[in-house]
Amino acid sequence: MTNLSMTPLFCIICRLTMMHYSVLFCLITATRFAETLENGLARTPPMGWMSWTKFYCQTDCVLHPFTCISEKLYMDMADRMGKLTRKLYS
């Protein structure tokens, strides 16, 4: 007569039970994180957001000097934001 805790069927049942508890734990924690993020912020991109598709994602500045992503692009955007801010508040 064999011990019940050593049979292969018992081991399979234990593994399945632990797997189910693991999946249940993951589902519960995932839904709790989703609930905490349900505050309505950033459901849409912030106003003024300009996607990089506007610049066509060109990285070769030799062939595409006006549409490439470069330091010049960042500096131009910062200058424009500064000019707009000065116009609004002066």
PDB file of N, CA and C in Angstrom:
ATOM      1  N   MET A   1       0.839  -1.171   0.000  1.00  0.00           N
ATOM      2  CA  MET A   1       0.000   0.000   0.000  1.00  0.00           C
ATOM      3  C   MET A   1       0.891   1.245   0.000  1.00  0.00           C
ATOM      4  N   THR A   2       0.574   2.188  -0.894  1.00  0.00           N
ATOM      5  CA  THR A   2       1.405   3.382  -1.028  1.00  0.00           C
ATOM      6  C   THR A   2       0.805   4.537  -0.238  1.00  0.00           C
ATOM      7  N   ASN A   3       1.660   5.424   0.099  1.00  0.00           N
ATOM      8  CA  ASN A   3       1.233   6.626   0.796  1.00  0.00           C
ATOM      9  C   ASN A   3       0.540   7.546  -0.213  1.00  0.00           C
ATOM     10  N   LEU A   4      -0.600   8.137   0.163  1.00  0.00           N
ATOM     11  CA  LEU A   4      -1.388   8.966  -0.749  1.00  0.00           C
ATOM     12  C   LEU A   4      -0.619  10.205  -1.208  1.00  0.00           C
ATOM     13  N   SER A   5       0.208  10.745  -0.342  1.00  0.00           N
ATOM     14  CA  SER A   5       0.908  11.974  -0.693  1.00  0.00           C
ATOM     15  C   SER A   5       2.040  11.747  -1.693  1.00  0.00           C
ATOM     16  N   MET A   6       2.371  10.529  -2.013  1.00  0.00           N
ATOM     17  CA  MET A   6       3.461  10.245  -2.932  1.00  0.00           C
ATOM     18  C   MET A   6       2.983   9.748  -4.293  1.00  0.00           C
ATOM     19  N   THR A   7       1.700   9.627  -4.500  1.00  0.00           N
ATOM     20  CA  THR A   7       1.209   9.120  -5.783  1.00  0.00           C
ATOM     21  C   THR A   7       1.344  10.198  -6.850  1.00  0.00           C
ATOM     22  N   PRO A   8       1.546   9.798  -8.097  1.00  0.00           N
ATOM     23  CA  PRO A   8       1.660  10.781  -9.179  1.00  0.00           C
ATOM     24  C   PRO A   8       0.395  11.626  -9.340  1.00  0.00           C
ATOM     25  N   LEU A   9      -0.764  11.035  -9.107  1.00  0.00           N
ATOM     26  CA  LEU A   9      -2.008  11.786  -9.235  1.00  0.00           C
ATOM     27  C   LEU A   9      -2.065  12.908  -8.204  1.00  0.00           C
ATOM     28  N   PHE A  10      -1.641  12.626  -6.996  1.00  0.00           N
ATOM     29  CA  PHE A  10      -1.626  13.651  -5.956  1.00  0.00           C
ATOM     30  C   PHE A  10      -0.668  14.784  -6.325  1.00  0.00           C
ATOM     31  N   CYS A  11       0.476  14.451  -6.876  1.00  0.00           N
ATOM     32  CA  CYS A  11       1.443  15.478  -7.287  1.00  0.00           C
ATOM     33  C   CYS A  11       0.876  16.351  -8.397  1.00  0.00           C
ATOM     34  N   ILE A  12       0.175  15.743  -9.334  1.00  0.00           N
ATOM     35  CA  ILE A  12      -0.433  16.504 -10.429  1.00  0.00           C
ATOM     36  C   ILE A  12      -1.499  17.439  -9.887  1.00  0.00           C
ATOM     37  N   ILE A  13      -2.309  16.949  -8.964  1.00  0.00           N
ATOM     38  CA  ILE A  13      -3.358  17.781  -8.372  1.00  0.00           C
ATOM     39  C   ILE A  13      -2.739  18.948  -7.606  1.00  0.00           C
ATOM     40  N   CYS A  14      -1.670  18.697  -6.873  1.00  0.00           N
ATOM     41  CA  CYS A  14      -0.998  19.776  -6.135  1.00  0.00           C
ATOM     42  C   CYS A  14      -0.435  20.820  -7.086  1.00  0.00           C
ATOM     43  N   ARG A  15       0.182  20.380  -8.171  1.00  0.00           N
ATOM     44  CA  ARG A  15       0.744  21.330  -9.136  1.00  0.00           C
ATOM     45  C   ARG A  15      -0.348  22.164  -9.794  1.00  0.00           C
ATOM     46  N   LEU A  16      -1.448  21.522 -10.169  1.00  0.00           N
ATOM     47  CA  LEU A  16      -2.551  22.254 -10.789  1.00  0.00           C
ATOM     48  C   LEU A  16      -3.154  23.261  -9.812  1.00  0.00           C
ATOM     49  N   THR A  17      -3.285  22.854  -8.557  1.00  0.00           N
ATOM     50  CA  THR A  17      -3.833  23.758  -7.552  1.00  0.00           C
ATOM     51  C   THR A  17      -2.923  24.969  -7.368  1.00  0.00           C
ATOM     52  N   MET A  18      -1.631  24.741  -7.287  1.00  0.00           N
ATOM     53  CA  MET A  18      -0.691  25.853  -7.132  1.00  0.00           C
ATOM     54  C   MET A  18      -0.698  26.754  -8.365  1.00  0.00           C
ATOM     55  N   MET A  19      -0.832  26.156  -9.548  1.00  0.00           N
ATOM     56  CA  MET A  19      -0.881  26.954 -10.765  1.00  0.00           C
ATOM     57  C   MET A  19      -2.131  27.829 -10.772  1.00  0.00           C
ATOM     58  N   HIS A  20      -3.264  27.257 -10.363  1.00  0.00           N
ATOM     59  CA  HIS A  20      -4.498  28.035 -10.318  1.00  0.00           C
ATOM     60  C   HIS A  20      -4.395  29.181  -9.314  1.00  0.00           C
ATOM     61  N   TYR A  21      -3.803  28.914  -8.160  1.00  0.00           N
ATOM     62  CA  TYR A  21      -3.625  29.981  -7.178  1.00  0.00           C
ATOM     63  C   TYR A  21      -2.682  31.068  -7.705  1.00  0.00           C
ATOM     64  N   SER A  22      -1.654  30.671  -8.432  1.00  0.00           N
ATOM     65  CA  SER A  22      -0.728  31.655  -8.999  1.00  0.00           C
ATOM     66  C   SER A  22      -1.426  32.535 -10.023  1.00  0.00           C
ATOM     67  N   VAL A  23      -2.221  31.927 -10.899  1.00  0.00           N
ATOM     68  CA  VAL A  23      -2.961  32.695 -11.906  1.00  0.00           C
ATOM     69  C   VAL A  23      -3.958  33.622 -11.224  1.00  0.00           C
ATOM     70  N   LEU A  24      -4.655  33.123 -10.218  1.00  0.00           N
ATOM     71  CA  LEU A  24      -5.619  33.934  -9.493  1.00  0.00           C
ATOM     72  C   LEU A  24      -4.930  35.116  -8.810  1.00  0.00           C
ATOM     73  N   PHE A  25      -3.784  34.877  -8.205  1.00  0.00           N
ATOM     74  CA  PHE A  25      -3.030  35.954  -7.568  1.00  0.00           C
ATOM     75  C   PHE A  25      -2.623  37.015  -8.589  1.00  0.00           C
ATOM     76  N   CYS A  26      -2.132  36.587  -9.751  1.00  0.00           N
ATOM     77  CA  CYS A  26      -1.723  37.545 -10.797  1.00  0.00           C
ATOM     78  C   CYS A  26      -2.911  38.360 -11.286  1.00  0.00           C
ATOM     79  N   LEU A  27      -4.047  37.725 -11.470  1.00  0.00           N
ATOM     80  CA  LEU A  27      -5.231  38.449 -11.930  1.00  0.00           C
ATOM     81  C   LEU A  27      -5.700  39.472 -10.900  1.00  0.00           C
ATOM     82  N   ILE A  28      -5.679  39.086  -9.643  1.00  0.00           N
ATOM     83  CA  ILE A  28      -6.127  40.004  -8.593  1.00  0.00           C
ATOM     84  C   ILE A  28      -5.191  41.205  -8.497  1.00  0.00           C
ATOM     85  N   THR A  29      -3.887  40.969  -8.525  1.00  0.00           N
ATOM     86  CA  THR A  29      -2.958  42.093  -8.416  1.00  0.00           C
ATOM     87  C   THR A  29      -3.010  42.973  -9.660  1.00  0.00           C
ATOM     88  N   ALA A  30      -3.200  42.385 -10.829  1.00  0.00           N
ATOM     89  CA  ALA A  30      -3.273  43.193 -12.055  1.00  0.00           C
ATOM     90  C   ALA A  30      -4.511  44.081 -12.044  1.00  0.00           C
ATOM     91  N   THR A  31      -5.637  43.564 -11.587  1.00  0.00           N
ATOM     92  CA  THR A  31      -6.842  44.389 -11.557  1.00  0.00           C
ATOM     93  C   THR A  31      -6.734  45.477 -10.493  1.00  0.00           C
ATOM     94  N   ARG A  32      -6.030  45.209  -9.411  1.00  0.00           N
ATOM     95  CA  ARG A  32      -5.867  46.249  -8.393  1.00  0.00           C
ATOM     96  C   ARG A  32      -5.002  47.388  -8.925  1.00  0.00           C
ATOM     97  N   PHE A  33      -3.965  47.067  -9.696  1.00  0.00           N
ATOM     98  CA  PHE A  33      -3.147  48.125 -10.280  1.00  0.00           C
ATOM     99  C   PHE A  33      -3.946  48.907 -11.304  1.00  0.00           C
ATOM    100  N   ALA A  34      -4.777  48.235 -12.069  1.00  0.00           N
ATOM    101  CA  ALA A  34      -5.594  48.929 -13.063  1.00  0.00           C
ATOM    102  C   ALA A  34      -6.600  49.844 -12.373  1.00  0.00           C
ATOM    103  N   GLU A  35      -7.126  49.431 -11.239  1.00  0.00           N
ATOM    104  CA  GLU A  35      -8.074  50.275 -10.511  1.00  0.00           C
ATOM    105  C   GLU A  35      -7.394  51.529  -9.975  1.00  0.00           C
ATOM    106  N   THR A  36      -6.170  51.406  -9.535  1.00  0.00           N
ATOM    107  CA  THR A  36      -5.498  52.575  -8.978  1.00  0.00           C
ATOM    108  C   THR A  36      -5.139  53.588 -10.052  1.00  0.00           C
ATOM    109  N   LEU A  37      -5.024  53.146 -11.301  1.00  0.00           N
ATOM    110  CA  LEU A  37      -4.695  54.067 -12.381  1.00  0.00           C
ATOM    111  C   LEU A  37      -5.932  54.665 -13.029  1.00  0.00           C
ATOM    112  N   GLU A  38      -7.094  54.393 -12.506  1.00  0.00           N
ATOM    113  CA  GLU A  38      -8.348  54.870 -13.090  1.00  0.00           C
ATOM    114  C   GLU A  38      -8.660  56.266 -12.559  1.00  0.00           C
ATOM    115  N   ASN A  39      -7.777  57.230 -12.863  1.00  0.00           N
ATOM    116  CA  ASN A  39      -7.980  58.582 -12.365  1.00  0.00           C
ATOM    117  C   ASN A  39      -8.279  59.583 -13.470  1.00  0.00           C
ATOM    118  N   GLY A  40      -8.359  59.136 -14.710  1.00  0.00           N
ATOM    119  CA  GLY A  40      -8.730  60.015 -15.805  1.00  0.00           C
ATOM    120  C   GLY A  40      -7.591  60.823 -16.400  1.00  0.00           C
ATOM    121  N   LEU A  41      -6.401  60.712 -15.850  1.00  0.00           N
ATOM    122  CA  LEU A  41      -5.280  61.484 -16.374  1.00  0.00           C
ATOM    123  C   LEU A  41      -4.650  60.777 -17.567  1.00  0.00           C
ATOM    124  N   ALA A  42      -4.237  61.553 -18.530  1.00  0.00           N
ATOM    125  CA  ALA A  42      -3.498  61.084 -19.708  1.00  0.00           C
ATOM    126  C   ALA A  42      -4.249  60.024 -20.503  1.00  0.00           C
ATOM    127  N   ARG A  43      -5.546  60.181 -20.599  1.00  0.00           N
ATOM    128  CA  ARG A  43      -6.292  59.273 -21.472  1.00  0.00           C
ATOM    129  C   ARG A  43      -6.077  59.638 -22.930  1.00  0.00           C
ATOM    130  N   THR A  44      -5.790  60.899 -23.152  1.00  0.00           N
ATOM    131  CA  THR A  44      -5.430  61.368 -24.487  1.00  0.00           C
ATOM    132  C   THR A  44      -4.089  62.072 -24.367  1.00  0.00           C
ATOM    133  N   PRO A  45      -3.395  62.231 -25.450  1.00  0.00           N
ATOM    134  CA  PRO A  45      -2.112  62.940 -25.354  1.00  0.00           C
ATOM    135  C   PRO A  45      -2.312  64.365 -24.851  1.00  0.00           C
ATOM    136  N   PRO A  46      -1.348  64.908 -24.141  1.00  0.00           N
ATOM    137  CA  PRO A  46      -1.470  66.274 -23.639  1.00  0.00           C
ATOM    138  C   PRO A  46      -1.655  67.269 -24.777  1.00  0.00           C
ATOM    139  N   MET A  47      -2.316  68.375 -24.481  1.00  0.00           N
ATOM    140  CA  MET A  47      -2.525  69.393 -25.511  1.00  0.00           C
ATOM    141  C   MET A  47      -1.181  69.925 -25.983  1.00  0.00           C
ATOM    142  N   GLY A  48      -1.078  70.121 -27.276  1.00  0.00           N
ATOM    143  CA  GLY A  48       0.169  70.584 -27.844  1.00  0.00           C
ATOM    144  C   GLY A  48       1.088  69.453 -28.245  1.00  0.00           C
ATOM    145  N   TRP A  49       0.664  68.233 -28.002  1.00  0.00           N
ATOM    146  CA  TRP A  49       1.480  67.074 -28.350  1.00  0.00           C
ATOM    147  C   TRP A  49       1.608  66.987 -29.852  1.00  0.00           C
ATOM    148  N   MET A  50       2.826  66.874 -30.325  1.00  0.00           N
ATOM    149  CA  MET A  50       3.054  66.691 -31.747  1.00  0.00           C
ATOM    150  C   MET A  50       3.843  65.396 -31.917  1.00  0.00           C
ATOM    151  N   SER A  51       3.217  64.444 -32.528  1.00  0.00           N
ATOM    152  CA  SER A  51       3.839  63.141 -32.679  1.00  0.00           C
ATOM    153  C   SER A  51       5.072  63.236 -33.575  1.00  0.00           C
ATOM    154  N   TRP A  52       5.971  62.283 -33.390  1.00  0.00           N
ATOM    155  CA  TRP A  52       7.175  62.267 -34.219  1.00  0.00           C
ATOM    156  C   TRP A  52       6.851  61.921 -35.661  1.00  0.00           C
ATOM    157  N   THR A  53       5.640  61.433 -35.925  1.00  0.00           N
ATOM    158  CA  THR A  53       5.284  61.178 -37.321  1.00  0.00           C
ATOM    159  C   THR A  53       5.171  62.480 -38.092  1.00  0.00           C
ATOM    160  N   LYS A  54       5.001  63.594 -37.393  1.00  0.00           N
ATOM    161  CA  LYS A  54       4.998  64.900 -38.052  1.00  0.00           C
ATOM    162  C   LYS A  54       6.331  65.145 -38.743  1.00  0.00           C
ATOM    163  N   PHE A  55       7.390  64.635 -38.140  1.00  0.00           N
ATOM    164  CA  PHE A  55       8.723  64.828 -38.696  1.00  0.00           C
ATOM    165  C   PHE A  55       9.143  63.649 -39.568  1.00  0.00           C
ATOM    166  N   TYR A  56       8.236  62.736 -39.803  1.00  0.00           N
ATOM    167  CA  TYR A  56       8.449  61.581 -40.682  1.00  0.00           C
ATOM    168  C   TYR A  56       9.570  60.670 -40.201  1.00  0.00           C
ATOM    169  N   CYS A  57       9.999  60.848 -38.981  1.00  0.00           N
ATOM    170  CA  CYS A  57      11.008  59.992 -38.348  1.00  0.00           C
ATOM    171  C   CYS A  57      12.258  59.835 -39.195  1.00  0.00           C
ATOM    172  N   GLN A  58      12.666  60.868 -39.866  1.00  0.00           N
ATOM    173  CA  GLN A  58      13.904  60.821 -40.649  1.00  0.00           C
ATOM    174  C   GLN A  58      15.080  61.007 -39.700  1.00  0.00           C
ATOM    175  N   THR A  59      16.070  60.159 -39.833  1.00  0.00           N
ATOM    176  CA  THR A  59      17.260  60.299 -39.000  1.00  0.00           C
ATOM    177  C   THR A  59      18.490  60.646 -39.821  1.00  0.00           C
ATOM    178  N   ASP A  60      18.354  60.627 -41.126  1.00  0.00           N
ATOM    179  CA  ASP A  60      19.475  60.978 -41.994  1.00  0.00           C
ATOM    180  C   ASP A  60      19.393  62.468 -42.310  1.00  0.00           C
ATOM    181  N   CYS A  61      20.132  63.272 -41.565  1.00  0.00           N
ATOM    182  CA  CYS A  61      20.051  64.728 -41.712  1.00  0.00           C
ATOM    183  C   CYS A  61      20.798  65.239 -42.932  1.00  0.00           C
ATOM    184  N   VAL A  62      21.618  64.401 -43.545  1.00  0.00           N
ATOM    185  CA  VAL A  62      22.315  64.829 -44.756  1.00  0.00           C
ATOM    186  C   VAL A  62      21.337  64.850 -45.921  1.00  0.00           C
ATOM    187  N   LEU A  63      20.525  63.794 -46.031  1.00  0.00           N
ATOM    188  CA  LEU A  63      19.555  63.721 -47.126  1.00  0.00           C
ATOM    189  C   LEU A  63      18.303  64.544 -46.853  1.00  0.00           C
ATOM    190  N   HIS A  64      17.900  64.635 -45.588  1.00  0.00           N
ATOM    191  CA  HIS A  64      16.659  65.329 -45.222  1.00  0.00           C
ATOM    192  C   HIS A  64      16.960  66.369 -44.139  1.00  0.00           C
ATOM    193  N   PRO A  65      17.558  67.491 -44.490  1.00  0.00           N
ATOM    194  CA  PRO A  65      17.985  68.436 -43.446  1.00  0.00           C
ATOM    195  C   PRO A  65      16.837  69.134 -42.721  1.00  0.00           C
ATOM    196  N   PHE A  66      15.661  69.249 -43.331  1.00  0.00           N
ATOM    197  CA  PHE A  66      14.563  69.984 -42.701  1.00  0.00           C
ATOM    198  C   PHE A  66      13.548  69.081 -42.014  1.00  0.00           C
ATOM    199  N   THR A  67      13.605  67.786 -42.259  1.00  0.00           N
ATOM    200  CA  THR A  67      12.620  66.880 -41.662  1.00  0.00           C
ATOM    201  C   THR A  67      13.267  65.818 -40.792  1.00  0.00           C
ATOM    202  N   CYS A  68      14.522  65.977 -40.439  1.00  0.00           N
ATOM    203  CA  CYS A  68      15.170  64.945 -39.633  1.00  0.00           C
ATOM    204  C   CYS A  68      15.075  65.286 -38.146  1.00  0.00           C
ATOM    205  N   ILE A  69      15.208  64.272 -37.326  1.00  0.00           N
ATOM    206  CA  ILE A  69      15.213  64.453 -35.876  1.00  0.00           C
ATOM    207  C   ILE A  69      16.654  64.740 -35.473  1.00  0.00           C
ATOM    208  N   SER A  70      16.907  65.963 -35.044  1.00  0.00           N
ATOM    209  CA  SER A  70      18.279  66.364 -34.731  1.00  0.00           C
ATOM    210  C   SER A  70      18.258  67.412 -33.620  1.00  0.00           C
ATOM    211  N   GLU A  71      19.434  67.877 -33.259  1.00  0.00           N
ATOM    212  CA  GLU A  71      19.538  68.930 -32.249  1.00  0.00           C
ATOM    213  C   GLU A  71      18.869  70.212 -32.741  1.00  0.00           C
ATOM    214  N   LYS A  72      18.985  70.474 -34.036  1.00  0.00           N
ATOM    215  CA  LYS A  72      18.365  71.668 -34.613  1.00  0.00           C
ATOM    216  C   LYS A  72      16.848  71.642 -34.423  1.00  0.00           C
ATOM    217  N   LEU A  73      16.247  70.475 -34.589  1.00  0.00           N
ATOM    218  CA  LEU A  73      14.801  70.338 -34.391  1.00  0.00           C
ATOM    219  C   LEU A  73      14.426  70.703 -32.954  1.00  0.00           C
ATOM    220  N   TYR A  74      15.156  70.170 -31.982  1.00  0.00           N
ATOM    221  CA  TYR A  74      14.869  70.474 -30.579  1.00  0.00           C
ATOM    222  C   TYR A  74      15.069  71.961 -30.279  1.00  0.00           C
ATOM    223  N   MET A  75      16.128  72.532 -30.806  1.00  0.00           N
ATOM    224  CA  MET A  75      16.391  73.955 -30.562  1.00  0.00           C
ATOM    225  C   MET A  75      15.308  74.827 -31.194  1.00  0.00           C
ATOM    226  N   ASP A  76      14.873  74.483 -32.409  1.00  0.00           N
ATOM    227  CA  ASP A  76      13.800  75.244 -33.057  1.00  0.00           C
ATOM    228  C   ASP A  76      12.505  75.160 -32.254  1.00  0.00           C
ATOM    229  N   MET A  77      12.192  73.964 -31.765  1.00  0.00           N
ATOM    230  CA  MET A  77      10.968  73.810 -30.976  1.00  0.00           C
ATOM    231  C   MET A  77      11.056  74.613 -29.682  1.00  0.00           C
ATOM    232  N   ALA A  78      12.206  74.592 -29.021  1.00  0.00           N
ATOM    233  CA  ALA A  78      12.372  75.362 -27.782  1.00  0.00           C
ATOM    234  C   ALA A  78      12.272  76.860 -28.054  1.00  0.00           C
ATOM    235  N   ASP A  79      12.866  77.322 -29.156  1.00  0.00           N
ATOM    236  CA  ASP A  79      12.776  78.749 -29.506  1.00  0.00           C
ATOM    237  C   ASP A  79      11.335  79.160 -29.774  1.00  0.00           C
ATOM    238  N   ARG A  80      10.605  78.323 -30.491  1.00  0.00           N
ATOM    239  CA  ARG A  80       9.202  78.646 -30.785  1.00  0.00           C
ATOM    240  C   ARG A  80       8.371  78.699 -29.508  1.00  0.00           C
ATOM    241  N   MET A  81       8.620  77.749 -28.600  1.00  0.00           N
ATOM    242  CA  MET A  81       7.878  77.763 -27.337  1.00  0.00           C
ATOM    243  C   MET A  81       8.216  79.011 -26.535  1.00  0.00           C
ATOM    244  N   GLY A  82       9.480  79.426 -26.551  1.00  0.00           N
ATOM    245  CA  GLY A  82       9.876  80.640 -25.839  1.00  0.00           C
ATOM    246  C   GLY A  82       9.234  81.881 -26.427  1.00  0.00           C
ATOM    247  N   LYS A  83       9.195  81.974 -27.748  1.00  0.00           N
ATOM    248  CA  LYS A  83       8.572  83.132 -28.399  1.00  0.00           C
ATOM    249  C   LYS A  83       7.079  83.183 -28.106  1.00  0.00           C
ATOM    250  N   LEU A  84       6.431  82.032 -28.147  1.00  0.00           N
ATOM    251  CA  LEU A  84       4.998  81.982 -27.861  1.00  0.00           C
ATOM    252  C   LEU A  84       4.724  82.402 -26.421  1.00  0.00           C
ATOM    253  N   THR A  85       5.542  81.942 -25.499  1.00  0.00           N
ATOM    254  CA  THR A  85       5.365  82.300 -24.094  1.00  0.00           C
ATOM    255  C   THR A  85       5.558  83.799 -23.890  1.00  0.00           C
ATOM    256  N   ARG A  86       6.556  84.361 -24.542  1.00  0.00           N
ATOM    257  CA  ARG A  86       6.784  85.809 -24.416  1.00  0.00           C
ATOM    258  C   ARG A  86       5.615  86.598 -24.990  1.00  0.00           C
ATOM    259  N   LYS A  87       5.037  86.131 -26.091  1.00  0.00           N
ATOM    260  CA  LYS A  87       3.888  86.827 -26.681  1.00  0.00           C
ATOM    261  C   LYS A  87       2.683  86.770 -25.747  1.00  0.00           C
ATOM    262  N   LEU A  88       2.483  85.617 -25.129  1.00  0.00           N
ATOM    263  CA  LEU A  88       1.313  85.453 -24.265  1.00  0.00           C
ATOM    264  C   LEU A  88       1.418  86.278 -22.990  1.00  0.00           C
ATOM    265  N   TYR A  89       2.597  86.382 -22.424  1.00  0.00           N
ATOM    266  CA  TYR A  89       2.742  87.007 -21.115  1.00  0.00           C
ATOM    267  C   TYR A  89       3.364  88.399 -21.150  1.00  0.00           C
ATOM    268  N   SER A  90       3.464  89.016 -22.319  1.00  0.00           N
ATOM    269  CA  SER A  90       4.024  90.374 -22.343  1.00  0.00           C
ATOM    270  C   SER A  90       3.027  91.362 -22.902  1.00  0.00           C
TER     271      SER A  90
END
